[in-house]
Structure formats: C-alpha cells, structure tokens
Protein backbone atom coordinates (compact mmCIF):
# COMPACT_ATOMS: atom_id res chain seq x y z
CA MET A 1 12.44 -11.65 8.60
CA ILE A 2 12.73 -9.77 5.63
CA GLU A 3 13.96 -6.88 5.52
CA ALA A 4 12.57 -5.35 2.23
CA LEU A 5 9.34 -6.53 -0.22
CA PRO A 6 10.30 -6.31 -3.44
CA THR A 7 7.83 -4.52 -5.58
CA HIS A 8 6.18 -5.65 -8.57
CA ALA A 9 4.73 -1.93 -9.05
CA PRO A 10 6.48 -0.86 -12.98
CA PRO A 11 7.27 2.70 -13.36
CA GLY A 12 4.65 5.38 -12.89
CA TYR A 13 2.23 3.26 -11.29
CA GLU A 14 -0.89 5.12 -10.27
CA CYS A 15 -2.12 2.64 -7.60
CA PRO A 16 -5.64 2.80 -7.86
CA PHE A 17 -6.75 2.33 -4.47
CA CYS A 18 -4.92 5.36 -3.56
CA SER A 19 -7.12 8.16 -5.43
CA VAL A 20 -9.88 6.80 -4.17
CA VAL A 21 -7.90 8.36 -0.21
CA ARG A 22 -7.12 11.17 -2.57
CA GLY A 23 -10.94 11.73 -2.84
CA GLU A 24 -10.83 10.95 -6.66
CA ASP A 25 -12.60 8.14 -8.75
CA ASN A 26 -11.12 5.12 -10.00
CA LEU A 27 -14.14 5.00 -12.92
CA PRO A 28 -15.42 2.58 -13.76
CA TRP A 29 -14.45 1.07 -10.40
CA THR A 30 -15.13 3.62 -7.99
CA VAL A 31 -16.83 5.95 -7.04
CA GLN A 32 -16.89 9.05 -3.85
CA ASP A 33 -20.54 8.42 -3.47
CA ASP A 34 -18.95 4.47 -2.58
CA VAL A 35 -17.24 6.04 -0.05
CA VAL A 36 -18.92 4.70 3.18
CA ARG A 37 -15.98 5.32 5.82
CA ARG A 38 -12.83 7.37 6.33
CA ASP A 39 -11.47 8.28 9.63
CA GLY A 40 -8.26 10.00 9.11
CA ARG A 41 -6.20 6.13 9.46
CA THR A 42 -8.34 4.52 6.54
CA THR A 43 -11.20 4.88 3.87
CA ALA A 44 -13.66 1.90 3.32
CA TRP A 45 -16.33 1.90 0.11
CA ILE A 46 -18.50 -0.88 -1.71
CA ASN A 47 -17.02 -2.01 -4.41
CA GLY A 48 -20.11 -2.89 -5.90
CA ARG A 49 -18.95 -2.62 -9.81
CA TRP A 50 -15.36 -4.69 -9.47
CA TRP A 51 -15.69 -7.96 -9.62
CA ALA A 52 -19.12 -10.26 -12.29
CA ASN A 53 -21.68 -12.01 -10.10
CA ASN A 54 -20.45 -10.49 -6.90
CA PRO A 55 -22.93 -8.05 -5.62
CA GLY A 56 -20.63 -6.84 -3.44
CA ALA A 57 -18.51 -6.65 -0.63
CA VAL A 58 -16.81 -3.14 1.49
CA VAL A 59 -12.71 -2.39 1.24
CA VAL A 60 -10.78 -1.01 3.84
CA VAL A 61 -7.39 0.41 3.15
CA PRO A 62 -5.18 2.41 5.59
CA ASP A 63 -5.14 5.54 3.71
CA GLU A 64 -0.72 5.77 3.01
CA HIS A 65 -0.24 3.54 0.43
CA VAL A 66 1.33 -0.10 1.51
CA GLU A 67 1.76 -1.79 -1.95
CA ASN A 68 0.28 -5.60 -0.33
CA ILE A 69 -0.65 -6.97 3.65
CA TYR A 70 2.41 -7.87 3.79
CA ALA A 71 3.78 -4.78 3.95
CA LEU A 72 1.22 -3.22 6.27
CA THR A 73 3.26 -2.14 10.03
CA GLY A 74 1.72 -3.29 12.95
CA GLU A 75 -0.16 0.83 13.35
CA GLN A 76 -1.41 0.88 9.66
CA ALA A 77 -3.40 -3.16 10.63
CA ARG A 78 -4.82 -2.62 13.59
CA ALA A 79 -5.96 1.03 11.77
CA VAL A 80 -7.69 -2.01 9.38
CA HIS A 81 -8.44 -3.64 11.21
CA GLU A 82 -10.82 -1.48 14.14
CA SER A 83 -12.60 0.24 11.00
CA THR A 84 -14.46 -3.41 10.65
CA ARG A 85 -15.53 -3.60 14.11
CA PRO A 86 -19.30 -2.48 14.14
CA SER A 87 -19.09 0.94 16.19
CA HIS A 88 -20.66 -0.96 19.07
CA SER A 89 -18.18 -3.20 20.10
CA ARG A 90 -15.20 -0.63 20.47
C-alpha cells in the first residue's frame, strides 16, 4: 500500500479545476457557463474548448482538490461516480 503519493505540482501551482469549482473562470478553457452540475460534493462542466477535433466531453471532479485519480478517497470516488450516473437510475 502506498502511504503517500508524490506531488508533481510546483510551488505556487494553481489548479485550473479548483478555480472552476470555486466559481472562477479558467480562461480561455472553461467559463462558469460551461458548468452543468454542482451538488456540494462534485462539479461538472463541458470542456468543449480544451482539445481540437473534439466537440466536448463532461469533466466531473470532486469539490476538494485531488492531484490525481490515485489520491481519491473512497468517498470522493463514489461522489464522482454518482454524479455521472443518470438521475433516473439513482
């Protein structure tokens, strides 16, 4: 079992996902009008401007900063998973 994951963020790094969660725009990539869901545990937005030749996808992140998927707690992973499920299947 890994007790501590290494961090790759340089000193002073500002997470672009966290800025969206806080309600700030991350120009030119994400603006608050792109946000399609907030439930108090996760935030989801359309990322249509991130990659050329991709009309967009939905990014779902926990509202707490997590550097990578391997650092997600079970509770955070469940929240992200539940946010991606259609509301009629809950």
